[in-house]
Amino acid sequence: MNEIQIIQSKIYEVRGRRVMLDSDLAELYQVETRALNQAVKRNENRFPDDFMFRLTAEEWAVISSQFVMTSRAKRPKSALPLVFTEHGALMLSSVLRSDVAGKVLVK
């Protein structure tokens, strides 16, 4: 699979929006999911509802059932993932401190 196909395989449709999971974006930006979520929390005003939202337990169950190897084991059972729209994923590049995120901003 090429890089574009890998990214496309990590895009889900939730609530009529195309989104990516926080853990998948963290991997893409080469940061820990925990660091990504902390950066979002510090910059909440930059992430309105049309940029990011938290999945419900039901939505998470549907998405995680699609994984070949689930990342559910990596996530605490009480923590439901954040998902980001295209605009939210781009905004992440401005609040994360990684070389990869910085390169996304420049493009």
Protein backbone atom coordinates (compact mmCIF):
# COMPACT_ATOMS: atom_id res chain seq x y z
CA MET A 1 0.00 0.00 0.00
CA ASN A 2 1.30 3.45 -0.80
CA GLU A 3 1.16 6.34 1.65
CA ILE A 4 -2.04 7.83 0.20
CA GLN A 5 -3.86 4.49 0.40
CA ILE A 6 -2.72 4.04 4.00
CA ILE A 7 -4.07 7.46 4.96
CA GLN A 8 -7.32 6.87 3.05
CA SER A 9 -7.82 3.60 4.92
CA LYS A 10 -7.77 5.56 8.20
CA ILE A 11 -10.57 7.94 7.22
CA TYR A 12 -14.00 7.11 8.63
CA GLU A 13 -17.40 8.63 8.14
CA VAL A 14 -19.02 9.62 11.43
CA ARG A 15 -22.05 11.91 11.80
CA GLY A 16 -21.90 12.62 8.10
CA ARG A 17 -18.31 13.87 8.31
CA ARG A 18 -15.06 12.33 7.13
CA VAL A 19 -12.75 12.10 10.14
CA MET A 20 -9.52 10.56 11.40
CA LEU A 21 -8.85 9.19 14.88
CA ASP A 22 -6.55 10.99 17.28
CA SER A 23 -4.27 7.94 17.45
CA ASP A 24 -3.96 7.72 13.65
CA LEU A 25 -3.14 11.43 13.38
CA ALA A 26 -0.63 11.11 16.23
CA GLU A 27 1.09 8.34 14.31
CA LEU A 28 1.04 10.43 11.12
CA TYR A 29 2.52 13.46 12.93
CA GLN A 30 4.96 11.22 14.84
CA VAL A 31 3.84 12.18 18.34
CA GLU A 32 2.22 10.19 21.13
CA THR A 33 -1.58 10.23 21.23
CA ARG A 34 -1.31 11.58 24.76
CA ALA A 35 0.81 14.52 23.55
CA LEU A 36 -1.62 15.23 20.73
CA ASN A 37 -4.58 15.28 23.12
CA GLN A 38 -2.71 17.52 25.57
CA ALA A 39 -1.91 19.99 22.76
CA VAL A 40 -5.59 20.04 21.79
CA LYS A 41 -6.65 20.61 25.39
CA ARG A 42 -4.22 23.55 25.70
CA ASN A 43 -5.65 25.04 22.48
CA GLU A 44 -9.35 24.13 22.75
CA ASN A 45 -10.44 27.46 21.28
CA ARG A 46 -8.80 26.46 17.98
CA PHE A 47 -10.90 23.31 17.67
CA PRO A 48 -14.61 24.08 17.27
CA ASP A 49 -17.12 21.25 16.79
CA ASP A 50 -16.69 21.27 13.02
CA PHE A 51 -12.93 20.59 13.47
CA MET A 52 -13.06 17.92 16.18
CA PHE A 53 -15.40 15.96 18.45
CA ARG A 54 -15.31 13.00 20.84
CA LEU A 55 -16.82 9.73 19.68
CA THR A 56 -19.65 8.15 21.61
CA ALA A 57 -19.19 4.60 22.92
CA GLU A 58 -21.46 3.31 20.15
CA GLU A 59 -19.52 5.13 17.41
CA TRP A 60 -16.23 3.84 18.81
CA ALA A 61 -17.58 0.27 18.88
CA VAL A 62 -18.53 0.50 15.20
CA ILE A 63 -15.19 1.98 14.12
CA SER A 64 -13.01 -0.27 16.26
CA SER A 65 -14.84 -3.35 14.93
CA GLN A 66 -13.41 -2.44 11.49
CA PHE A 67 -9.77 -2.70 12.63
CA VAL A 68 -7.75 -5.72 11.59
CA MET A 69 -5.58 -5.20 14.67
CA THR A 70 -7.44 -3.01 17.08
CA SER A 71 -5.74 -0.12 18.81
CA ARG A 72 -8.42 -0.43 21.46
CA ALA A 73 -5.93 -2.29 23.67
CA LYS A 74 -3.66 0.78 23.67
CA ARG A 75 -6.45 3.10 24.80
CA PRO A 76 -7.76 3.10 28.36
CA LYS A 77 -11.26 1.65 28.44
CA SER A 78 -12.70 4.88 29.81
CA ALA A 79 -11.11 7.10 27.15
CA LEU A 80 -13.15 7.58 24.00
CA PRO A 81 -11.12 8.91 21.08
CA LEU A 82 -11.27 12.36 19.58
CA VAL A 83 -11.78 12.52 15.84
CA PHE A 84 -10.70 15.33 13.56
CA THR A 85 -12.14 16.62 10.31
CA GLU A 86 -9.82 17.77 7.54
CA HIS A 87 -9.75 21.28 9.03
CA GLY A 88 -9.01 19.87 12.48
CA ALA A 89 -6.18 17.73 11.15
CA LEU A 90 -4.61 20.82 9.56
CA MET A 91 -5.09 22.83 12.76
CA LEU A 92 -3.25 20.07 14.65
CA SER A 93 -0.16 20.79 12.58
CA SER A 94 -0.08 24.30 14.04
CA VAL A 95 -0.29 23.20 17.69
CA LEU A 96 1.93 20.10 17.65
CA ARG A 97 5.65 20.25 18.17
CA SER A 98 7.06 17.74 15.76
CA ASP A 99 9.15 18.01 12.62
CA VAL A 100 6.44 16.31 10.59
CA ALA A 101 3.74 18.70 11.82
CA GLY A 102 5.94 21.66 10.99
CA LYS A 103 6.42 20.39 7.44
CA VAL A 104 2.65 20.08 6.96
CA LEU A 105 2.28 23.75 7.88
CA VAL A 106 4.85 24.80 5.32
CA LYS A 107 3.16 22.93 2.42
